Amino acid sequence: MNTKNNQRFHNTEKKLEQTFLCLCKTTLPEKITVSQLCKAVEINRSTFYEHYLDIPDLIYKIGVKHIGGMIELLRLPDNSTDFPFSDTSLIQLFTYIKEHQDFFDIYINHSNPRTLLDSLSNLLESACNPYMNHFRKKNDESMQYHFAFFKAGFIAILSRWVFYKCKETPEEIANILVSASNLSEKVDKDPQKW
């Protein structure tokens, strides 16, 4: 029996995901049908539906796995007071994205924008919660604005980088994000200069 906990089930799911990514090299993701994918994997449609509701659900579930992997890269101890987006952690994060850029191109450019925004927001909030909880005081509202700015900048930089096929190195993109964050700190310290 092909249940969710057996190896055959996981192997089928992995093959569906890999074949879908291969098909996306020649066909827009929104043009790929369940029938076309099942034919390429040599399975019945009913087997596909044991795993996914439809193609957007397949993209979403692959995204959930990748976001989980990215959260693990950024995870700090709950009592940490360090900001989770150091140069080192950003380089690791962008390296991971570059290694999986075929999928992230689909996820960012061909999936539901609300799903993308929610999943990347969850990633950033999950990584930053211990840091933000440690420093919550009377300036909590100000910190929320800084975080909103960082989150929007992160998503914009990531989207542009993936759209242009990750031509810059992970180190260069991490530096761009850190520089943009430092600029906001400079504006806060002396807004008259800006």
N, C-alpha and C. Protein backbone atom coordinates (compact mmCIF):
# COMPACT_ATOMS: atom_id res chain seq x y z
N MET A 1 0.84 -1.19 0.00
CA MET A 1 0.00 0.00 0.00
C MET A 1 0.88 1.25 0.00
N ASN A 2 0.54 2.21 -0.80
CA ASN A 2 1.34 3.43 -0.94
C ASN A 2 0.85 4.50 0.04
N THR A 3 1.29 4.39 1.29
CA THR A 3 0.88 5.35 2.31
C THR A 3 1.92 6.44 2.46
N LYS A 4 1.50 7.52 3.13
CA LYS A 4 2.36 8.70 3.23
C LYS A 4 3.66 8.44 3.96
N ASN A 5 3.73 7.38 4.76
CA ASN A 5 4.94 7.15 5.55
C ASN A 5 5.89 6.13 4.93
N ASN A 6 5.55 5.56 3.79
CA ASN A 6 6.48 4.58 3.25
C ASN A 6 7.40 5.18 2.20
N GLN A 7 8.47 4.46 1.94
CA GLN A 7 9.51 4.96 1.03
C GLN A 7 9.00 5.13 -0.39
N ARG A 8 8.15 4.25 -0.83
CA ARG A 8 7.62 4.34 -2.19
C ARG A 8 6.84 5.65 -2.39
N PHE A 9 6.05 6.02 -1.39
CA PHE A 9 5.30 7.27 -1.44
C PHE A 9 6.25 8.45 -1.58
N HIS A 10 7.30 8.48 -0.76
CA HIS A 10 8.27 9.58 -0.81
C HIS A 10 9.05 9.59 -2.12
N ASN A 11 9.39 8.42 -2.62
CA ASN A 11 10.10 8.35 -3.90
C ASN A 11 9.24 8.89 -5.05
N THR A 12 7.95 8.55 -5.03
CA THR A 12 7.03 9.04 -6.06
C THR A 12 6.93 10.56 -5.98
N GLU A 13 6.79 11.07 -4.77
CA GLU A 13 6.70 12.52 -4.59
C GLU A 13 7.96 13.21 -5.10
N LYS A 14 9.11 12.66 -4.76
CA LYS A 14 10.38 13.24 -5.21
C LYS A 14 10.47 13.21 -6.74
N LYS A 15 10.05 12.12 -7.34
CA LYS A 15 10.09 12.01 -8.81
C LYS A 15 9.13 13.01 -9.46
N LEU A 16 7.95 13.20 -8.87
CA LEU A 16 7.00 14.19 -9.38
C LEU A 16 7.61 15.58 -9.34
N GLU A 17 8.23 15.91 -8.22
CA GLU A 17 8.83 17.24 -8.06
C GLU A 17 9.97 17.45 -9.05
N GLN A 18 10.86 16.46 -9.17
CA GLN A 18 12.00 16.59 -10.07
C GLN A 18 11.55 16.68 -11.54
N THR A 19 10.58 15.87 -11.91
CA THR A 19 10.08 15.87 -13.28
C THR A 19 9.39 17.18 -13.59
N PHE A 20 8.63 17.69 -12.63
CA PHE A 20 7.98 18.99 -12.82
C PHE A 20 9.02 20.07 -13.10
N LEU A 21 10.10 20.10 -12.32
CA LEU A 21 11.16 21.09 -12.54
C LEU A 21 11.81 20.92 -13.91
N CYS A 22 11.98 19.68 -14.33
CA CYS A 22 12.54 19.43 -15.68
C CYS A 22 11.60 19.93 -16.77
N LEU A 23 10.31 19.67 -16.61
CA LEU A 23 9.34 20.14 -17.61
C LEU A 23 9.31 21.67 -17.68
N CYS A 24 9.56 22.31 -16.55
CA CYS A 24 9.53 23.77 -16.50
C CYS A 24 10.68 24.41 -17.29
N LYS A 25 11.67 23.63 -17.63
CA LYS A 25 12.79 24.17 -18.43
C LYS A 25 12.34 24.48 -19.86
N THR A 26 11.30 23.79 -20.30
CA THR A 26 10.83 24.00 -21.68
C THR A 26 9.39 24.50 -21.77
N THR A 27 8.67 24.47 -20.66
CA THR A 27 7.26 24.86 -20.65
C THR A 27 6.98 25.74 -19.44
N LEU A 28 6.19 26.78 -19.61
CA LEU A 28 5.81 27.61 -18.47
C LEU A 28 5.06 26.76 -17.45
N PRO A 29 5.34 26.95 -16.16
CA PRO A 29 4.70 26.11 -15.13
C PRO A 29 3.17 26.10 -15.23
N GLU A 30 2.58 27.26 -15.55
CA GLU A 30 1.12 27.32 -15.61
C GLU A 30 0.55 26.58 -16.83
N LYS A 31 1.41 26.19 -17.76
CA LYS A 31 0.98 25.44 -18.95
C LYS A 31 1.12 23.92 -18.76
N ILE A 32 1.78 23.51 -17.69
CA ILE A 32 1.98 22.08 -17.44
C ILE A 32 0.70 21.51 -16.82
N THR A 33 0.23 20.41 -17.38
CA THR A 33 -0.99 19.78 -16.87
C THR A 33 -0.64 18.57 -16.00
N VAL A 34 -1.61 18.18 -15.19
CA VAL A 34 -1.43 16.98 -14.38
C VAL A 34 -1.22 15.78 -15.29
N SER A 35 -1.98 15.69 -16.37
CA SER A 35 -1.84 14.57 -17.31
C SER A 35 -0.44 14.51 -17.90
N GLN A 36 0.07 15.66 -18.31
CA GLN A 36 1.41 15.73 -18.90
C GLN A 36 2.46 15.27 -17.88
N LEU A 37 2.34 15.73 -16.65
CA LEU A 37 3.29 15.35 -15.61
C LEU A 37 3.20 13.86 -15.30
N CYS A 38 1.97 13.34 -15.20
CA CYS A 38 1.80 11.91 -14.91
C CYS A 38 2.38 11.04 -16.03
N LYS A 39 2.20 11.48 -17.25
CA LYS A 39 2.75 10.73 -18.39
C LYS A 39 4.27 10.70 -18.31
N ALA A 40 4.88 11.84 -17.99
CA ALA A 40 6.34 11.91 -17.90
C ALA A 40 6.89 11.05 -16.76
N VAL A 41 6.13 10.96 -15.67
CA VAL A 41 6.58 10.17 -14.51
C VAL A 41 6.16 8.71 -14.64
N GLU A 42 5.23 8.46 -15.56
CA GLU A 42 4.68 7.11 -15.78
C GLU A 42 3.90 6.62 -14.57
N ILE A 43 2.96 7.47 -14.13
CA ILE A 43 2.05 7.11 -13.05
C ILE A 43 0.63 7.47 -13.48
N ASN A 44 -0.34 6.95 -12.76
CA ASN A 44 -1.74 7.29 -12.99
C ASN A 44 -2.06 8.63 -12.34
N ARG A 45 -3.08 9.30 -12.87
CA ARG A 45 -3.51 10.57 -12.28
C ARG A 45 -3.91 10.38 -10.81
N SER A 46 -4.53 9.26 -10.50
CA SER A 46 -4.95 9.03 -9.11
C SER A 46 -3.75 9.03 -8.16
N THR A 47 -2.60 8.57 -8.64
CA THR A 47 -1.39 8.59 -7.82
C THR A 47 -0.95 10.03 -7.58
N PHE A 48 -1.02 10.85 -8.62
CA PHE A 48 -0.69 12.27 -8.44
C PHE A 48 -1.57 12.87 -7.35
N TYR A 49 -2.88 12.59 -7.41
CA TYR A 49 -3.83 13.21 -6.47
C TYR A 49 -3.69 12.66 -5.05
N GLU A 50 -2.95 11.58 -4.87
CA GLU A 50 -2.63 11.12 -3.51
C GLU A 50 -1.62 12.08 -2.86
N HIS A 51 -0.90 12.83 -3.69
CA HIS A 51 0.16 13.72 -3.21
C HIS A 51 -0.25 15.19 -3.24
N TYR A 52 -0.94 15.60 -4.29
CA TYR A 52 -1.22 17.03 -4.51
C TYR A 52 -2.65 17.23 -5.01
N LEU A 53 -3.17 18.42 -4.76
CA LEU A 53 -4.51 18.77 -5.26
C LEU A 53 -4.45 19.13 -6.74
N ASP A 54 -3.37 19.82 -7.12
CA ASP A 54 -3.19 20.30 -8.49
C ASP A 54 -1.75 20.80 -8.62
N ILE A 55 -1.41 21.38 -9.76
CA ILE A 55 -0.05 21.88 -9.99
C ILE A 55 0.31 23.02 -9.01
N PRO A 56 -0.57 24.01 -8.80
CA PRO A 56 -0.22 25.05 -7.82
C PRO A 56 0.05 24.47 -6.42
N ASP A 57 -0.68 23.42 -6.04
CA ASP A 57 -0.44 22.78 -4.75
C ASP A 57 0.94 22.12 -4.72
N LEU A 58 1.35 21.53 -5.82
CA LEU A 58 2.69 20.93 -5.92
C LEU A 58 3.75 22.02 -5.72
N ILE A 59 3.58 23.16 -6.40
CA ILE A 59 4.54 24.27 -6.25
C ILE A 59 4.56 24.75 -4.80
N TYR A 60 3.38 24.91 -4.22
CA TYR A 60 3.28 25.36 -2.83
C TYR A 60 4.01 24.40 -1.88
N LYS A 61 3.77 23.11 -2.05
CA LYS A 61 4.37 22.12 -1.13
C LYS A 61 5.89 22.02 -1.31
N ILE A 62 6.38 22.18 -2.53
CA ILE A 62 7.83 22.23 -2.72
C ILE A 62 8.36 23.47 -2.00
N GLY A 63 7.64 24.57 -2.13
CA GLY A 63 8.03 25.81 -1.46
C GLY A 63 8.09 25.66 0.05
N VAL A 64 7.12 24.97 0.62
CA VAL A 64 7.11 24.74 2.08
C VAL A 64 8.38 24.00 2.50
N LYS A 65 8.78 23.01 1.72
CA LYS A 65 10.00 22.26 2.04
C LYS A 65 11.22 23.17 2.00
N HIS A 66 11.31 24.00 0.96
CA HIS A 66 12.47 24.89 0.83
C HIS A 66 12.47 25.97 1.92
N ILE A 67 11.32 26.52 2.24
CA ILE A 67 11.27 27.52 3.30
C ILE A 67 11.71 26.88 4.61
N GLY A 68 11.29 25.64 4.86
CA GLY A 68 11.74 24.92 6.06
C GLY A 68 13.25 24.76 6.10
N GLY A 69 13.83 24.43 4.96
CA GLY A 69 15.30 24.32 4.88
C GLY A 69 15.98 25.64 5.14
N MET A 70 15.39 26.71 4.65
CA MET A 70 15.97 28.04 4.85
C MET A 70 15.84 28.48 6.31
N ILE A 71 14.72 28.14 6.94
CA ILE A 71 14.55 28.46 8.37
C ILE A 71 15.63 27.77 9.19
N GLU A 72 15.92 26.52 8.85
CA GLU A 72 16.97 25.79 9.58
C GLU A 72 18.33 26.47 9.44
N LEU A 73 18.61 27.02 8.25
CA LEU A 73 19.88 27.72 8.04
C LEU A 73 20.00 28.96 8.94
N LEU A 74 18.87 29.59 9.23
CA LEU A 74 18.87 30.83 10.00
C LEU A 74 18.60 30.63 11.49
N ARG A 75 18.31 29.40 11.89
CA ARG A 75 17.89 29.15 13.27
C ARG A 75 19.02 29.46 14.26
N LEU A 76 18.67 30.26 15.25
CA LEU A 76 19.55 30.57 16.37
C LEU A 76 18.87 30.06 17.63
N PRO A 77 19.62 29.87 18.71
CA PRO A 77 18.98 29.46 19.96
C PRO A 77 17.91 30.47 20.38
N ASP A 78 16.86 29.99 21.04
CA ASP A 78 15.75 30.87 21.43
C ASP A 78 16.20 32.03 22.31
N ASN A 79 17.27 31.84 23.05
CA ASN A 79 17.73 32.92 23.94
C ASN A 79 18.78 33.81 23.29
N SER A 80 18.98 33.67 21.99
CA SER A 80 19.99 34.45 21.30
C SER A 80 19.56 35.91 21.19
N THR A 81 20.53 36.80 21.34
CA THR A 81 20.27 38.23 21.14
C THR A 81 20.92 38.71 19.84
N ASP A 82 21.44 37.79 19.05
CA ASP A 82 22.07 38.15 17.78
C ASP A 82 21.01 38.32 16.70
N PHE A 83 21.25 39.29 15.82
CA PHE A 83 20.38 39.44 14.66
C PHE A 83 20.69 38.28 13.72
N PRO A 84 19.67 37.53 13.28
CA PRO A 84 19.93 36.30 12.54
C PRO A 84 20.50 36.50 11.14
N PHE A 85 20.45 37.72 10.62
CA PHE A 85 20.90 37.95 9.25
C PHE A 85 22.29 38.58 9.23
N SER A 86 23.25 37.80 9.70
CA SER A 86 24.65 38.23 9.62
C SER A 86 25.14 38.00 8.20
N ASP A 87 26.33 38.51 7.89
CA ASP A 87 26.91 38.26 6.57
C ASP A 87 26.97 36.76 6.28
N THR A 88 27.43 36.00 7.28
CA THR A 88 27.60 34.55 7.10
C THR A 88 26.27 33.86 6.84
N SER A 89 25.25 34.18 7.63
CA SER A 89 23.96 33.49 7.45
C SER A 89 23.29 33.92 6.14
N LEU A 90 23.45 35.17 5.75
CA LEU A 90 22.89 35.61 4.47
C LEU A 90 23.57 34.91 3.30
N ILE A 91 24.88 34.76 3.38
CA ILE A 91 25.61 34.05 2.31
C ILE A 91 25.13 32.61 2.22
N GLN A 92 24.94 31.95 3.37
CA GLN A 92 24.42 30.58 3.37
C GLN A 92 23.03 30.53 2.76
N LEU A 93 22.19 31.49 3.12
CA LEU A 93 20.83 31.54 2.63
C LEU A 93 20.80 31.75 1.11
N PHE A 94 21.57 32.72 0.62
CA PHE A 94 21.58 32.99 -0.81
C PHE A 94 22.28 31.88 -1.59
N THR A 95 23.22 31.18 -0.98
CA THR A 95 23.83 30.01 -1.62
C THR A 95 22.78 28.93 -1.80
N TYR A 96 21.98 28.71 -0.77
CA TYR A 96 20.90 27.71 -0.84
C TYR A 96 19.93 28.07 -1.98
N ILE A 97 19.55 29.33 -2.05
CA ILE A 97 18.61 29.77 -3.08
C ILE A 97 19.22 29.59 -4.47
N LYS A 98 20.49 29.93 -4.61
CA LYS A 98 21.16 29.78 -5.92
C LYS A 98 21.23 28.31 -6.33
N GLU A 99 21.47 27.42 -5.36
CA GLU A 99 21.53 25.99 -5.65
C GLU A 99 20.17 25.47 -6.13
N HIS A 100 19.10 26.12 -5.71
CA HIS A 100 17.74 25.70 -6.07
C HIS A 100 17.04 26.77 -6.91
N GLN A 101 17.81 27.50 -7.70
CA GLN A 101 17.25 28.64 -8.41
C GLN A 101 16.19 28.26 -9.43
N ASP A 102 16.24 27.05 -9.99
CA ASP A 102 15.18 26.64 -10.92
C ASP A 102 13.83 26.66 -10.22
N PHE A 103 13.80 26.13 -9.00
CA PHE A 103 12.54 26.14 -8.28
C PHE A 103 12.17 27.56 -7.85
N PHE A 104 13.13 28.32 -7.32
CA PHE A 104 12.80 29.66 -6.83
C PHE A 104 12.34 30.59 -7.95
N ASP A 105 12.81 30.36 -9.16
CA ASP A 105 12.30 31.12 -10.29
C ASP A 105 10.80 30.84 -10.48
N ILE A 106 10.42 29.59 -10.39
CA ILE A 106 9.01 29.22 -10.51
C ILE A 106 8.22 29.80 -9.33
N TYR A 107 8.75 29.63 -8.14
CA TYR A 107 8.05 30.04 -6.92
C TYR A 107 7.84 31.56 -6.88
N ILE A 108 8.84 32.30 -7.29
CA ILE A 108 8.75 33.76 -7.23
C ILE A 108 8.00 34.33 -8.43
N ASN A 109 8.24 33.79 -9.61
CA ASN A 109 7.70 34.38 -10.82
C ASN A 109 6.44 33.72 -11.37
N HIS A 110 6.07 32.54 -10.86
CA HIS A 110 4.93 31.83 -11.45
C HIS A 110 3.98 31.25 -10.42
N SER A 111 4.03 31.72 -9.20
CA SER A 111 3.08 31.21 -8.21
C SER A 111 2.27 32.37 -7.65
N ASN A 112 1.34 32.03 -6.82
CA ASN A 112 0.46 33.03 -6.22
C ASN A 112 1.29 34.04 -5.42
N PRO A 113 1.25 35.32 -5.76
CA PRO A 113 2.05 36.32 -5.05
C PRO A 113 1.76 36.36 -3.55
N ARG A 114 0.52 36.10 -3.18
CA ARG A 114 0.15 36.12 -1.75
C ARG A 114 0.85 34.97 -1.01
N THR A 115 0.89 33.80 -1.65
CA THR A 115 1.56 32.65 -1.05
C THR A 115 3.05 32.93 -0.88
N LEU A 116 3.66 33.51 -1.90
CA LEU A 116 5.08 33.85 -1.83
C LEU A 116 5.34 34.83 -0.70
N LEU A 117 4.57 35.90 -0.65
CA LEU A 117 4.75 36.91 0.38
C LEU A 117 4.56 36.31 1.77
N ASP A 118 3.53 35.50 1.93
CA ASP A 118 3.28 34.87 3.24
C ASP A 118 4.42 33.95 3.64
N SER A 119 4.90 33.13 2.71
CA SER A 119 5.93 32.16 3.07
C SER A 119 7.26 32.85 3.38
N LEU A 120 7.63 33.86 2.59
CA LEU A 120 8.87 34.58 2.88
C LEU A 120 8.74 35.42 4.14
N SER A 121 7.56 35.96 4.40
CA SER A 121 7.34 36.70 5.65
C SER A 121 7.47 35.76 6.84
N ASN A 122 6.91 34.54 6.71
CA ASN A 122 7.04 33.55 7.79
C ASN A 122 8.50 33.18 8.03
N LEU A 123 9.25 33.04 6.94
CA LEU A 123 10.68 32.74 7.06
C LEU A 123 11.38 33.82 7.87
N LEU A 124 11.18 35.06 7.49
CA LEU A 124 11.87 36.17 8.15
C LEU A 124 11.40 36.34 9.59
N GLU A 125 10.11 36.21 9.83
CA GLU A 125 9.60 36.35 11.19
C GLU A 125 10.09 35.23 12.08
N SER A 126 10.10 34.02 11.56
CA SER A 126 10.59 32.87 12.33
C SER A 126 12.05 33.07 12.72
N ALA A 127 12.83 33.57 11.79
CA ALA A 127 14.26 33.79 12.07
C ALA A 127 14.47 34.94 13.06
N CYS A 128 13.64 35.97 12.98
CA CYS A 128 13.85 37.18 13.78
C CYS A 128 13.14 37.18 15.13
N ASN A 129 12.20 36.28 15.35
CA ASN A 129 11.42 36.32 16.59
C ASN A 129 12.27 36.31 17.87
N PRO A 130 13.25 35.42 18.01
CA PRO A 130 14.03 35.46 19.26
C PRO A 130 14.72 36.81 19.46
N TYR A 131 15.28 37.35 18.40
CA TYR A 131 15.96 38.65 18.47
C TYR A 131 14.97 39.75 18.85
N MET A 132 13.84 39.78 18.18
CA MET A 132 12.87 40.84 18.44
C MET A 132 12.26 40.71 19.83
N ASN A 133 12.00 39.49 20.27
CA ASN A 133 11.44 39.30 21.61
C ASN A 133 12.40 39.78 22.70
N HIS A 134 13.69 39.61 22.47
CA HIS A 134 14.68 40.04 23.46
C HIS A 134 14.69 41.57 23.61
N PHE A 135 14.50 42.27 22.51
CA PHE A 135 14.63 43.72 22.54
C PHE A 135 13.30 44.46 22.60
N ARG A 136 12.20 43.74 22.78
CA ARG A 136 10.90 44.42 22.85
C ARG A 136 10.82 45.27 24.11
N LYS A 137 10.64 46.53 23.90
CA LYS A 137 10.49 47.48 25.00
C LYS A 137 9.54 48.56 24.53
N LYS A 138 9.73 49.77 24.99
CA LYS A 138 8.83 50.84 24.59
C LYS A 138 8.98 51.24 23.13
N ASN A 139 10.08 50.87 22.47
CA ASN A 139 10.26 51.21 21.06
C ASN A 139 9.79 50.09 20.14
N ASP A 140 8.87 49.26 20.63
CA ASP A 140 8.39 48.11 19.88
C ASP A 140 7.81 48.52 18.52
N GLU A 141 7.04 49.58 18.49
CA GLU A 141 6.42 50.02 17.24
C GLU A 141 7.50 50.43 16.22
N SER A 142 8.52 51.11 16.69
CA SER A 142 9.62 51.50 15.82
C SER A 142 10.33 50.27 15.25
N MET A 143 10.53 49.26 16.09
CA MET A 143 11.18 48.02 15.64
C MET A 143 10.33 47.34 14.58
N GLN A 144 9.02 47.37 14.74
CA GLN A 144 8.13 46.75 13.76
C GLN A 144 8.27 47.43 12.39
N TYR A 145 8.43 48.74 12.39
CA TYR A 145 8.63 49.46 11.13
C TYR A 145 9.98 49.09 10.50
N HIS A 146 11.01 48.99 11.31
CA HIS A 146 12.32 48.58 10.79
C HIS A 146 12.24 47.18 10.19
N PHE A 147 11.54 46.29 10.88
CA PHE A 147 11.42 44.93 10.39
C PHE A 147 10.62 44.90 9.09
N ALA A 148 9.55 45.68 9.01
CA ALA A 148 8.75 45.74 7.77
C ALA A 148 9.62 46.24 6.61
N PHE A 149 10.47 47.22 6.88
CA PHE A 149 11.37 47.75 5.86
C PHE A 149 12.36 46.67 5.42
N PHE A 150 12.95 45.97 6.38
CA PHE A 150 13.91 44.91 6.07
C PHE A 150 13.24 43.81 5.25
N LYS A 151 12.04 43.41 5.67
CA LYS A 151 11.31 42.33 5.00
C LYS A 151 11.01 42.70 3.55
N ALA A 152 10.51 43.91 3.33
CA ALA A 152 10.20 44.35 1.96
C ALA A 152 11.46 44.41 1.11
N GLY A 153 12.55 44.92 1.68
CA GLY A 153 13.81 44.99 0.95
C GLY A 153 14.35 43.61 0.63
N PHE A 154 14.27 42.70 1.59
CA PHE A 154 14.75 41.34 1.39
C PHE A 154 14.00 40.68 0.23
N ILE A 155 12.67 40.78 0.26
CA ILE A 155 11.86 40.15 -0.78
C ILE A 155 12.13 40.78 -2.14
N ALA A 156 12.26 42.10 -2.18
CA ALA A 156 12.53 42.78 -3.46
C ALA A 156 13.89 42.38 -4.03
N ILE A 157 14.91 42.35 -3.19
CA ILE A 157 16.26 41.97 -3.66
C ILE A 157 16.26 40.52 -4.12
N LEU A 158 15.64 39.63 -3.33
CA LEU A 158 15.59 38.22 -3.69
C LEU A 158 14.85 38.03 -5.03
N SER A 159 13.73 38.69 -5.18
CA SER A 159 12.94 38.56 -6.42
C SER A 159 13.74 39.01 -7.64
N ARG A 160 14.40 40.14 -7.52
CA ARG A 160 15.19 40.67 -8.65
C ARG A 160 16.35 39.73 -8.97
N TRP A 161 17.03 39.26 -7.94
CA TRP A 161 18.19 38.38 -8.13
C TRP A 161 17.79 37.10 -8.85
N VAL A 162 16.70 36.49 -8.39
CA VAL A 162 16.24 35.24 -9.02
C VAL A 162 15.74 35.51 -10.44
N PHE A 163 15.04 36.62 -10.64
CA PHE A 163 14.53 36.96 -11.98
C PHE A 163 15.68 37.06 -12.98
N TYR A 164 16.83 37.61 -12.54
CA TYR A 164 17.99 37.75 -13.42
C TYR A 164 18.96 36.58 -13.31
N LYS A 165 18.42 35.42 -12.92
CA LYS A 165 19.14 34.13 -12.94
C LYS A 165 20.35 34.09 -12.01
N CYS A 166 20.27 34.78 -10.89
CA CYS A 166 21.29 34.72 -9.83
C CYS A 166 22.69 35.01 -10.38
N LYS A 167 22.80 36.05 -11.22
CA LYS A 167 24.09 36.32 -11.87
C LYS A 167 25.13 36.82 -10.87
N GLU A 168 24.70 37.54 -9.83
CA GLU A 168 25.68 37.95 -8.79
C GLU A 168 25.91 36.77 -7.85
N THR A 169 27.03 36.78 -7.17
CA THR A 169 27.33 35.71 -6.22
C THR A 169 26.49 35.90 -4.96
N PRO A 170 26.31 34.84 -4.18
CA PRO A 170 25.61 34.99 -2.90
C PRO A 170 26.28 36.05 -2.00
N GLU A 171 27.61 36.13 -2.07
CA GLU A 171 28.33 37.13 -1.27
C GLU A 171 27.96 38.55 -1.70
N GLU A 172 27.86 38.77 -3.01
CA GLU A 172 27.51 40.10 -3.52
C GLU A 172 26.07 40.49 -3.11
N ILE A 173 25.15 39.55 -3.19
CA ILE A 173 23.77 39.84 -2.81
C ILE A 173 23.65 40.07 -1.31
N ALA A 174 24.36 39.29 -0.52
CA ALA A 174 24.35 39.51 0.94
C ALA A 174 24.88 40.91 1.25
N ASN A 175 25.93 41.31 0.57
CA ASN A 175 26.51 42.64 0.79
C ASN A 175 25.53 43.74 0.40
N ILE A 176 24.80 43.56 -0.69
CA ILE A 176 23.81 44.55 -1.11
C ILE A 176 22.72 44.69 -0.04
N LEU A 177 22.25 43.56 0.48
CA LEU A 177 21.20 43.61 1.50
C LEU A 177 21.70 44.26 2.79
N VAL A 178 22.91 43.91 3.21
CA VAL A 178 23.49 44.50 4.42
C VAL A 178 23.71 46.00 4.22
N SER A 179 24.20 46.38 3.04
CA SER A 179 24.41 47.80 2.75
C SER A 179 23.10 48.58 2.79
N ALA A 180 22.04 48.01 2.23
CA ALA A 180 20.73 48.67 2.25
C ALA A 180 20.23 48.81 3.68
N SER A 181 20.44 47.79 4.50
CA SER A 181 20.02 47.85 5.90
C SER A 181 20.82 48.90 6.66
N ASN A 182 22.12 48.98 6.37
CA ASN A 182 22.97 49.98 7.04
C ASN A 182 22.58 51.40 6.63
N LEU A 183 22.14 51.57 5.39
CA LEU A 183 21.70 52.88 4.93
C LEU A 183 20.51 53.35 5.76
N SER A 184 19.59 52.44 6.07
CA SER A 184 18.42 52.85 6.86
C SER A 184 18.84 53.26 8.26
N GLU A 185 19.88 52.61 8.81
CA GLU A 185 20.38 53.01 10.13
C GLU A 185 21.00 54.39 10.06
N LYS A 186 21.73 54.69 8.98
CA LYS A 186 22.35 56.01 8.83
C LYS A 186 21.28 57.10 8.72
N VAL A 187 20.21 56.80 8.00
CA VAL A 187 19.11 57.76 7.86
C VAL A 187 18.48 58.02 9.22
N ASP A 188 18.31 56.95 10.01
CA ASP A 188 17.73 57.11 11.35
C ASP A 188 18.60 57.98 12.24
N LYS A 189 19.92 57.81 12.14
CA LYS A 189 20.83 58.54 13.04
C LYS A 189 20.92 60.02 12.67
N ASP A 190 20.86 60.32 11.38
CA ASP A 190 20.98 61.72 10.97
C ASP A 190 20.11 61.97 9.73
N PRO A 191 18.79 62.06 9.91
CA PRO A 191 17.90 62.20 8.76
C PRO A 191 18.12 63.49 7.97
N GLN A 192 18.71 64.52 8.59
CA GLN A 192 18.90 65.78 7.88
C GLN A 192 19.90 65.64 6.72
N LYS A 193 20.82 64.68 6.82
CA LYS A 193 21.81 64.47 5.76
C LYS A 193 21.19 63.79 4.53
N TRP A 194 20.01 63.23 4.70
CA TRP A 194 19.40 62.48 3.60
C TRP A 194 18.21 63.24 3.11
